[in-house]
């Protein structure tokens, strides 16, 4: 079963942010390339420079949209935690030492980061889950770089349902 990383309202905010970034970049594109070139100034003379601008716009919006559409998946023998293009990890149920709600308030600021074998992947302080592993797992991030983690703290939209399903699957394994 699939569980979204973000609630619907949080996804709408990310979509709006991606739209705002695209709109702003299109506006800058228009001001820079069209208006200045109409006045006779040559801002960018090569096709390659135009393509770098378009490529950077697509990449930036792609990061935001991939994050908004990320989800976690509970399978028969493992759970797959996905964080858009920012990374993923496969965890077998037998590898989980402890899983539960994470209510601690003294945690790093929102975002995604690694710190002392712990991966923090959340954008809100609600519905946080902490997974402690028996052994290190390989976390693949940013275009398949690897990092070893032994704890993962993340958010999921339906936390109680997610935890219940994982505990059922753990009992079967």
N, C-alpha and C. Protein backbone atom coordinates (compact mmCIF):
# COMPACT_ATOMS: atom_id res chain seq x y z
N UNK A 1 0.83 -1.17 0.00
CA UNK A 1 0.00 0.00 0.00
C UNK A 1 0.89 1.25 0.00
N UNK A 2 0.43 2.29 -0.67
CA UNK A 2 1.20 3.53 -0.78
C UNK A 2 0.67 4.58 0.19
N UNK A 3 1.60 5.30 0.80
CA UNK A 3 1.28 6.39 1.72
C UNK A 3 2.02 7.63 1.27
N UNK A 4 1.31 8.70 1.12
CA UNK A 4 1.91 9.95 0.67
C UNK A 4 2.81 10.54 1.76
N UNK A 5 3.87 11.18 1.33
CA UNK A 5 4.77 11.85 2.26
C UNK A 5 4.10 13.10 2.84
N UNK A 6 3.30 13.76 2.04
CA UNK A 6 2.68 15.01 2.45
C UNK A 6 1.16 14.91 2.45
N UNK A 7 0.53 15.71 3.30
CA UNK A 7 -0.92 15.85 3.26
C UNK A 7 -1.29 16.64 2.02
N UNK A 8 -2.57 16.63 1.70
CA UNK A 8 -3.04 17.32 0.49
C UNK A 8 -2.70 18.82 0.54
N UNK A 9 -2.89 19.45 1.68
CA UNK A 9 -2.61 20.89 1.81
C UNK A 9 -1.12 21.18 1.61
N UNK A 10 -0.26 20.30 2.12
CA UNK A 10 1.18 20.49 1.96
C UNK A 10 1.60 20.30 0.51
N UNK A 11 0.97 19.33 -0.18
CA UNK A 11 1.26 19.13 -1.59
C UNK A 11 0.83 20.35 -2.42
N UNK A 12 -0.33 20.93 -2.07
CA UNK A 12 -0.81 22.11 -2.80
C UNK A 12 0.18 23.25 -2.63
N UNK A 13 0.74 23.39 -1.43
CA UNK A 13 1.74 24.44 -1.20
C UNK A 13 2.98 24.21 -2.07
N UNK A 14 3.43 22.96 -2.16
CA UNK A 14 4.59 22.65 -3.01
C UNK A 14 4.28 22.89 -4.48
N UNK A 15 3.07 22.52 -4.93
CA UNK A 15 2.68 22.79 -6.31
C UNK A 15 2.65 24.29 -6.57
N UNK A 16 2.11 25.05 -5.63
CA UNK A 16 2.05 26.51 -5.78
C UNK A 16 3.46 27.10 -5.82
N UNK A 17 4.35 26.57 -5.00
CA UNK A 17 5.74 27.03 -4.99
C UNK A 17 6.41 26.74 -6.34
N UNK A 18 6.18 25.54 -6.87
CA UNK A 18 6.74 25.19 -8.18
C UNK A 18 6.18 26.10 -9.26
N UNK A 19 4.88 26.37 -9.21
CA UNK A 19 4.26 27.26 -10.18
C UNK A 19 4.84 28.67 -10.06
N UNK A 20 5.01 29.15 -8.82
CA UNK A 20 5.57 30.49 -8.61
C UNK A 20 7.00 30.58 -9.14
N UNK A 21 7.80 29.54 -8.92
CA UNK A 21 9.17 29.51 -9.44
C UNK A 21 9.15 29.55 -10.97
N UNK A 22 8.30 28.73 -11.58
CA UNK A 22 8.21 28.73 -13.05
C UNK A 22 7.76 30.09 -13.57
N UNK A 23 6.74 30.68 -12.94
CA UNK A 23 6.24 31.98 -13.36
C UNK A 23 7.33 33.04 -13.24
N UNK A 24 8.04 33.03 -12.13
CA UNK A 24 9.12 34.00 -11.92
C UNK A 24 10.22 33.83 -12.96
N UNK A 25 10.59 32.59 -13.24
CA UNK A 25 11.65 32.35 -14.22
C UNK A 25 11.21 32.73 -15.63
N UNK A 26 9.93 32.51 -15.96
CA UNK A 26 9.43 32.92 -17.27
C UNK A 26 9.43 34.45 -17.36
N UNK A 27 9.05 35.11 -16.28
CA UNK A 27 9.06 36.57 -16.26
C UNK A 27 10.48 37.11 -16.43
N UNK A 28 11.42 36.51 -15.72
CA UNK A 28 12.83 36.92 -15.87
C UNK A 28 13.31 36.65 -17.29
N UNK A 29 12.93 35.51 -17.83
CA UNK A 29 13.29 35.16 -19.21
C UNK A 29 12.78 36.23 -20.17
N UNK A 30 11.53 36.61 -20.00
CA UNK A 30 10.94 37.62 -20.88
C UNK A 30 11.68 38.96 -20.75
N UNK A 31 11.89 39.39 -19.50
CA UNK A 31 12.57 40.68 -19.28
C UNK A 31 14.00 40.66 -19.83
N UNK A 32 14.68 39.58 -19.60
CA UNK A 32 16.08 39.50 -20.00
C UNK A 32 16.25 39.34 -21.50
N UNK A 33 15.57 38.38 -22.07
CA UNK A 33 15.83 38.03 -23.47
C UNK A 33 15.00 38.82 -24.47
N UNK A 34 13.75 39.06 -24.17
CA UNK A 34 12.89 39.68 -25.16
C UNK A 34 13.02 41.21 -25.14
N UNK A 35 12.76 41.84 -24.00
CA UNK A 35 12.77 43.30 -23.95
C UNK A 35 14.15 43.88 -24.23
N UNK A 36 15.19 43.30 -23.66
CA UNK A 36 16.53 43.85 -23.87
C UNK A 36 16.98 43.62 -25.31
N UNK A 37 16.66 42.46 -25.87
CA UNK A 37 17.04 42.20 -27.26
C UNK A 37 16.29 43.10 -28.24
N UNK A 38 15.03 43.49 -27.89
CA UNK A 38 14.28 44.41 -28.76
C UNK A 38 14.94 45.78 -28.82
N UNK A 39 15.65 46.15 -27.76
CA UNK A 39 16.33 47.45 -27.72
C UNK A 39 17.68 47.41 -28.43
N UNK A 40 18.07 46.26 -28.92
CA UNK A 40 19.30 46.17 -29.68
C UNK A 40 20.50 45.65 -28.91
N UNK A 41 20.31 45.32 -27.64
CA UNK A 41 21.41 44.75 -26.87
C UNK A 41 21.41 43.24 -27.04
N UNK A 42 22.57 42.67 -27.21
CA UNK A 42 22.68 41.22 -27.32
C UNK A 42 23.05 40.65 -25.96
N UNK A 43 22.08 40.12 -25.23
CA UNK A 43 22.33 39.58 -23.90
C UNK A 43 22.98 38.22 -24.02
N UNK A 44 22.32 37.32 -24.64
CA UNK A 44 22.87 35.98 -24.87
C UNK A 44 22.93 35.76 -26.37
N UNK A 45 24.11 35.48 -26.85
CA UNK A 45 24.27 35.37 -28.29
C UNK A 45 24.23 33.93 -28.78
N UNK A 46 24.32 32.99 -27.89
CA UNK A 46 24.37 31.60 -28.36
C UNK A 46 23.16 30.80 -27.90
N UNK A 47 22.85 29.82 -28.66
CA UNK A 47 21.76 28.91 -28.35
C UNK A 47 22.04 28.13 -27.07
N UNK A 48 23.30 27.81 -26.81
CA UNK A 48 23.68 27.04 -25.61
C UNK A 48 23.31 27.79 -24.33
N UNK A 49 23.52 29.09 -24.31
CA UNK A 49 23.18 29.87 -23.11
C UNK A 49 21.67 29.87 -22.87
N UNK A 50 20.89 29.93 -23.92
CA UNK A 50 19.43 29.87 -23.78
C UNK A 50 19.03 28.51 -23.21
N UNK A 51 19.67 27.47 -23.71
CA UNK A 51 19.33 26.11 -23.26
C UNK A 51 19.72 25.89 -21.80
N UNK A 52 20.82 26.46 -21.35
CA UNK A 52 21.21 26.35 -19.94
C UNK A 52 20.14 26.97 -19.06
N UNK A 53 19.62 28.11 -19.47
CA UNK A 53 18.56 28.77 -18.70
C UNK A 53 17.31 27.88 -18.63
N UNK A 54 16.87 27.37 -19.74
CA UNK A 54 15.68 26.51 -19.78
C UNK A 54 15.91 25.23 -18.98
N UNK A 55 17.08 24.63 -19.13
CA UNK A 55 17.41 23.40 -18.40
C UNK A 55 17.39 23.64 -16.89
N UNK A 56 17.96 24.76 -16.43
CA UNK A 56 17.97 25.03 -14.99
C UNK A 56 16.55 25.26 -14.47
N UNK A 57 15.69 25.86 -15.27
CA UNK A 57 14.29 26.06 -14.87
C UNK A 57 13.58 24.71 -14.73
N UNK A 58 13.78 23.84 -15.67
CA UNK A 58 13.15 22.51 -15.63
C UNK A 58 13.66 21.71 -14.44
N UNK A 59 14.94 21.75 -14.16
CA UNK A 59 15.52 21.01 -13.03
C UNK A 59 14.96 21.51 -11.71
N UNK A 60 14.92 22.81 -11.52
CA UNK A 60 14.42 23.37 -10.26
C UNK A 60 12.96 22.99 -10.03
N UNK A 61 12.13 23.12 -11.02
CA UNK A 61 10.72 22.74 -10.88
C UNK A 61 10.58 21.23 -10.72
N UNK A 62 11.42 20.47 -11.38
CA UNK A 62 11.39 19.01 -11.25
C UNK A 62 11.67 18.54 -9.84
N UNK A 63 12.63 19.18 -9.17
CA UNK A 63 12.92 18.84 -7.78
C UNK A 63 11.71 19.06 -6.90
N UNK A 64 11.07 20.21 -7.05
CA UNK A 64 9.90 20.52 -6.22
C UNK A 64 8.74 19.57 -6.50
N UNK A 65 8.48 19.30 -7.77
CA UNK A 65 7.36 18.43 -8.10
C UNK A 65 7.62 16.98 -7.72
N UNK A 66 8.86 16.52 -7.83
CA UNK A 66 9.17 15.14 -7.43
C UNK A 66 8.98 14.96 -5.93
N UNK A 67 9.32 15.97 -5.17
CA UNK A 67 9.13 15.92 -3.72
C UNK A 67 7.64 15.91 -3.38
N UNK A 68 6.86 16.74 -4.06
CA UNK A 68 5.42 16.81 -3.79
C UNK A 68 4.72 15.49 -4.11
N UNK A 69 5.23 14.76 -5.08
CA UNK A 69 4.60 13.51 -5.49
C UNK A 69 5.24 12.26 -4.87
N UNK A 70 6.12 12.43 -3.90
CA UNK A 70 6.79 11.27 -3.30
C UNK A 70 5.85 10.53 -2.36
N UNK A 71 6.13 9.25 -2.17
CA UNK A 71 5.30 8.41 -1.31
C UNK A 71 6.14 7.29 -0.73
N UNK A 72 5.61 6.68 0.31
CA UNK A 72 6.24 5.52 0.93
C UNK A 72 5.37 4.31 0.63
N UNK A 73 6.01 3.16 0.43
CA UNK A 73 5.27 1.98 0.02
C UNK A 73 5.55 0.82 0.97
N UNK A 74 4.48 0.19 1.43
CA UNK A 74 4.58 -0.98 2.30
C UNK A 74 4.35 -2.21 1.43
N UNK A 75 5.40 -3.03 1.28
CA UNK A 75 5.33 -4.24 0.46
C UNK A 75 5.28 -5.47 1.35
N UNK A 76 5.26 -6.65 0.77
CA UNK A 76 5.17 -7.89 1.54
C UNK A 76 6.37 -8.13 2.46
N UNK A 77 7.57 -7.87 1.95
CA UNK A 77 8.76 -8.18 2.74
C UNK A 77 9.59 -6.96 3.14
N UNK A 78 9.18 -5.76 2.73
CA UNK A 78 9.95 -4.57 3.02
C UNK A 78 9.09 -3.32 2.92
N UNK A 79 9.63 -2.25 3.45
CA UNK A 79 9.02 -0.93 3.28
C UNK A 79 9.99 -0.08 2.46
N UNK A 80 9.46 0.66 1.52
CA UNK A 80 10.27 1.52 0.66
C UNK A 80 9.91 2.96 0.98
N UNK A 81 10.90 3.71 1.46
CA UNK A 81 10.70 5.12 1.77
C UNK A 81 11.28 5.94 0.63
N UNK A 82 10.43 6.75 0.02
CA UNK A 82 10.86 7.56 -1.12
C UNK A 82 10.71 9.03 -0.78
N UNK A 83 11.69 9.81 -1.21
CA UNK A 83 11.70 11.25 -0.96
C UNK A 83 11.97 12.00 -2.26
N UNK A 84 11.23 11.67 -3.31
CA UNK A 84 11.43 12.30 -4.62
C UNK A 84 12.82 12.00 -5.15
N UNK A 85 13.40 12.95 -5.86
CA UNK A 85 14.76 12.75 -6.38
C UNK A 85 15.80 12.89 -5.27
N UNK A 86 15.35 13.25 -4.07
CA UNK A 86 16.27 13.43 -2.96
C UNK A 86 16.70 12.11 -2.33
N UNK A 87 16.04 11.01 -2.65
CA UNK A 87 16.52 9.75 -2.15
C UNK A 87 15.45 8.71 -1.85
N UNK A 88 15.93 7.49 -1.58
CA UNK A 88 15.06 6.39 -1.21
C UNK A 88 15.86 5.36 -0.43
N UNK A 89 15.13 4.53 0.32
CA UNK A 89 15.76 3.44 1.06
C UNK A 89 14.78 2.28 1.12
N UNK A 90 15.30 1.07 0.97
CA UNK A 90 14.53 -0.16 1.12
C UNK A 90 14.89 -0.77 2.48
N UNK A 91 13.88 -1.05 3.30
CA UNK A 91 14.12 -1.61 4.62
C UNK A 91 13.30 -2.88 4.77
N UNK A 92 14.00 -4.02 4.99
CA UNK A 92 13.29 -5.27 5.26
C UNK A 92 12.74 -5.22 6.68
N UNK A 93 11.60 -5.86 6.88
CA UNK A 93 10.96 -5.84 8.20
C UNK A 93 11.85 -6.47 9.27
N UNK A 94 12.62 -7.48 8.88
CA UNK A 94 13.53 -8.11 9.85
C UNK A 94 14.66 -7.19 10.27
N UNK A 95 14.91 -6.15 9.51
CA UNK A 95 15.98 -5.20 9.79
C UNK A 95 15.52 -4.11 10.77
N UNK A 96 14.22 -3.98 11.00
CA UNK A 96 13.69 -2.92 11.86
C UNK A 96 13.78 -3.36 13.32
N UNK A 97 14.50 -2.60 14.11
CA UNK A 97 14.60 -2.87 15.55
C UNK A 97 13.43 -2.23 16.28
N UNK A 98 13.11 -1.00 15.89
CA UNK A 98 12.05 -0.26 16.57
C UNK A 98 11.44 0.73 15.59
N UNK A 99 10.11 0.85 15.62
CA UNK A 99 9.42 1.83 14.79
C UNK A 99 8.27 2.41 15.59
N UNK A 100 8.09 3.71 15.48
CA UNK A 100 7.00 4.32 16.22
C UNK A 100 6.89 5.81 15.96
N UNK A 101 5.94 6.41 16.64
CA UNK A 101 5.73 7.85 16.52
C UNK A 101 6.93 8.59 17.11
N UNK A 102 7.24 9.70 16.51
CA UNK A 102 8.34 10.53 16.98
C UNK A 102 7.76 11.87 17.39
N UNK A 103 7.78 12.14 18.68
CA UNK A 103 7.14 13.34 19.22
C UNK A 103 8.14 14.38 19.74
N UNK A 104 9.41 14.10 19.66
CA UNK A 104 10.42 15.00 20.22
C UNK A 104 10.39 16.35 19.50
N UNK A 105 10.50 17.41 20.26
CA UNK A 105 10.45 18.77 19.69
C UNK A 105 11.83 19.33 19.40
N UNK A 106 12.86 18.79 20.02
CA UNK A 106 14.22 19.29 19.84
C UNK A 106 14.90 18.55 18.67
N UNK A 107 14.49 18.90 17.46
CA UNK A 107 15.04 18.27 16.27
C UNK A 107 15.52 19.36 15.31
N UNK A 108 16.38 19.00 14.35
CA UNK A 108 16.86 20.01 13.40
C UNK A 108 15.72 20.64 12.61
N UNK A 109 16.00 21.77 12.01
CA UNK A 109 15.01 22.48 11.22
C UNK A 109 14.51 21.61 10.07
N UNK A 110 13.36 21.95 9.54
CA UNK A 110 12.73 21.19 8.47
C UNK A 110 13.67 20.99 7.28
N UNK A 111 13.49 19.88 6.60
CA UNK A 111 14.28 19.62 5.41
C UNK A 111 14.81 18.20 5.38
N UNK A 112 15.83 17.99 4.59
CA UNK A 112 16.43 16.67 4.44
C UNK A 112 17.91 16.79 4.71
N UNK A 113 18.38 15.95 5.64
CA UNK A 113 19.81 15.99 5.98
C UNK A 113 20.24 14.70 6.66
N UNK A 114 21.54 14.46 6.63
CA UNK A 114 22.16 13.34 7.33
C UNK A 114 22.95 13.90 8.51
N UNK A 115 22.89 13.19 9.64
CA UNK A 115 23.66 13.61 10.80
C UNK A 115 23.94 12.40 11.67
N UNK A 116 25.20 11.99 11.78
CA UNK A 116 25.62 10.88 12.64
C UNK A 116 24.81 9.60 12.42
N UNK A 117 24.65 9.20 11.18
CA UNK A 117 23.93 7.96 10.87
C UNK A 117 22.42 8.08 10.93
N UNK A 118 21.92 9.29 11.11
CA UNK A 118 20.48 9.52 11.16
C UNK A 118 20.09 10.34 9.93
N UNK A 119 19.02 9.91 9.26
CA UNK A 119 18.50 10.67 8.13
C UNK A 119 17.23 11.38 8.58
N UNK A 120 17.20 12.69 8.42
CA UNK A 120 16.02 13.49 8.72
C UNK A 120 15.39 13.86 7.38
N UNK A 121 14.15 13.46 7.17
CA UNK A 121 13.46 13.78 5.92
C UNK A 121 12.03 14.19 6.20
N UNK A 122 11.83 15.44 6.56
CA UNK A 122 10.49 15.91 6.89
C UNK A 122 10.37 17.40 6.59
N UNK A 123 9.15 17.83 6.35
CA UNK A 123 8.89 19.24 6.07
C UNK A 123 7.79 19.78 6.97
N UNK A 124 7.45 19.05 7.98
CA UNK A 124 6.48 19.48 8.97
C UNK A 124 6.79 18.75 10.26
N UNK A 125 6.31 19.25 11.33
CA UNK A 125 6.58 18.62 12.63
C UNK A 125 5.43 17.73 13.08
N UNK A 126 4.49 17.48 12.20
CA UNK A 126 3.37 16.60 12.51
C UNK A 126 3.59 15.25 11.83
N UNK A 127 3.02 14.22 12.40
CA UNK A 127 3.03 12.87 11.81
C UNK A 127 4.43 12.34 11.55
N UNK A 128 5.36 12.61 12.46
CA UNK A 128 6.72 12.11 12.31
C UNK A 128 6.83 10.67 12.79
N UNK A 129 7.66 9.90 12.12
CA UNK A 129 7.93 8.51 12.47
C UNK A 129 9.43 8.32 12.58
N UNK A 130 9.82 7.50 13.56
CA UNK A 130 11.24 7.18 13.73
C UNK A 130 11.41 5.68 13.54
N UNK A 131 12.34 5.32 12.68
CA UNK A 131 12.67 3.92 12.43
C UNK A 131 14.11 3.71 12.88
N UNK A 132 14.30 2.83 13.86
CA UNK A 132 15.64 2.47 14.31
C UNK A 132 15.94 1.09 13.73
N UNK A 133 17.11 0.94 13.12
CA UNK A 133 17.46 -0.30 12.43
C UNK A 133 18.45 -1.13 13.24
N UNK A 134 18.37 -2.46 13.07
CA UNK A 134 19.32 -3.37 13.72
C UNK A 134 20.71 -3.23 13.12
N UNK A 135 20.74 -3.03 11.81
CA UNK A 135 22.01 -2.83 11.11
C UNK A 135 21.83 -1.68 10.12
N UNK A 136 22.93 -1.18 9.64
CA UNK A 136 22.86 -0.03 8.74
C UNK A 136 22.21 -0.40 7.41
N UNK A 137 21.46 0.56 6.87
CA UNK A 137 20.85 0.40 5.55
C UNK A 137 21.48 1.41 4.61
N UNK A 138 21.45 1.09 3.33
CA UNK A 138 22.00 2.00 2.33
C UNK A 138 20.91 2.94 1.86
N UNK A 139 21.13 4.21 2.05
CA UNK A 139 20.20 5.24 1.60
C UNK A 139 20.77 5.82 0.31
N UNK A 140 20.02 5.72 -0.76
CA UNK A 140 20.46 6.26 -2.06
C UNK A 140 19.88 7.65 -2.21
N UNK A 141 20.72 8.63 -2.46
CA UNK A 141 20.25 10.00 -2.55
C UNK A 141 20.91 10.73 -3.71
N UNK A 142 20.28 11.78 -4.15
CA UNK A 142 20.80 12.67 -5.20
C UNK A 142 21.53 11.91 -6.30
N UNK A 143 20.76 11.27 -7.12
CA UNK A 143 21.28 10.57 -8.29
C UNK A 143 22.17 9.40 -7.92
N UNK A 144 21.71 8.62 -6.96
CA UNK A 144 22.25 7.31 -6.57
C UNK A 144 23.59 7.34 -5.83
N UNK A 145 23.88 8.39 -5.12
CA UNK A 145 24.99 8.35 -4.18
C UNK A 145 24.50 7.54 -2.99
N UNK A 146 25.41 6.85 -2.30
CA UNK A 146 25.02 6.01 -1.17
C UNK A 146 25.48 6.62 0.15
N UNK A 147 24.67 6.36 1.16
CA UNK A 147 25.02 6.78 2.51
C UNK A 147 24.46 5.74 3.47
N UNK A 148 25.20 5.37 4.49
CA UNK A 148 24.74 4.39 5.49
C UNK A 148 23.96 5.12 6.58
N UNK A 149 22.81 4.56 6.93
CA UNK A 149 21.99 5.12 8.00
C UNK A 149 21.55 4.01 8.95
N UNK A 150 21.39 4.36 10.22
CA UNK A 150 20.87 3.38 11.17
C UNK A 150 19.59 3.89 11.85
N UNK A 151 19.20 5.13 11.54
CA UNK A 151 17.94 5.69 12.00
C UNK A 151 17.39 6.60 10.92
N UNK A 152 16.06 6.60 10.77
CA UNK A 152 15.41 7.46 9.79
C UNK A 152 14.23 8.12 10.47
N UNK A 153 14.16 9.44 10.34
CA UNK A 153 13.03 10.19 10.87
C UNK A 153 12.37 10.88 9.68
N UNK A 154 11.09 10.62 9.49
CA UNK A 154 10.38 11.13 8.32
C UNK A 154 8.91 11.36 8.66
N UNK A 155 8.19 11.98 7.74
CA UNK A 155 6.76 12.20 7.95
C UNK A 155 5.97 11.43 6.89
N UNK A 156 4.75 11.09 7.27
CA UNK A 156 3.84 10.38 6.38
C UNK A 156 2.43 10.89 6.66
N UNK A 157 1.60 10.94 5.63
CA UNK A 157 0.29 11.58 5.78
C UNK A 157 -0.65 10.83 6.72
N UNK A 158 -0.67 9.52 6.70
CA UNK A 158 -1.56 8.73 7.57
C UNK A 158 -0.69 7.89 8.50
N UNK A 159 -0.14 8.54 9.50
CA UNK A 159 0.86 7.91 10.36
C UNK A 159 0.34 6.67 11.08
N UNK A 160 -0.80 6.75 11.71
CA UNK A 160 -1.30 5.60 12.48
C UNK A 160 -1.59 4.39 11.60
N UNK A 161 -2.19 4.64 10.46
CA UNK A 161 -2.48 3.56 9.51
C UNK A 161 -1.18 2.94 8.99
N UNK A 162 -0.20 3.77 8.69
CA UNK A 162 1.11 3.33 8.20
C UNK A 162 1.79 2.44 9.24
N UNK A 163 1.84 2.90 10.48
CA UNK A 163 2.49 2.13 11.55
C UNK A 163 1.77 0.80 11.80
N UNK A 164 0.45 0.82 11.77
CA UNK A 164 -0.33 -0.40 11.99
C UNK A 164 -0.04 -1.44 10.90
N UNK A 165 0.02 -0.98 9.67
CA UNK A 165 0.29 -1.92 8.57
C UNK A 165 1.70 -2.49 8.66
N UNK A 166 2.67 -1.69 9.02
CA UNK A 166 4.05 -2.19 9.14
C UNK A 166 4.14 -3.21 10.27
N UNK A 167 3.50 -2.94 11.39
CA UNK A 167 3.56 -3.88 12.52
C UNK A 167 2.89 -5.20 12.16
N UNK A 168 1.81 -5.17 11.38
CA UNK A 168 1.18 -6.41 10.91
C UNK A 168 2.13 -7.21 10.03
N UNK A 169 2.81 -6.50 9.13
CA UNK A 169 3.75 -7.16 8.22
C UNK A 169 4.95 -7.70 8.96
N UNK A 170 5.40 -7.01 10.00
CA UNK A 170 6.53 -7.47 10.80
C UNK A 170 6.19 -8.78 11.51
N UNK A 171 4.97 -8.90 12.00
CA UNK A 171 4.56 -10.12 12.68
C UNK A 171 4.55 -11.32 11.74
N UNK A 172 4.22 -11.10 10.47
CA UNK A 172 4.21 -12.19 9.49
C UNK A 172 5.61 -12.68 9.14
N UNK A 173 6.57 -11.76 9.18
CA UNK A 173 7.95 -12.12 8.76
C UNK A 173 8.72 -12.80 9.86
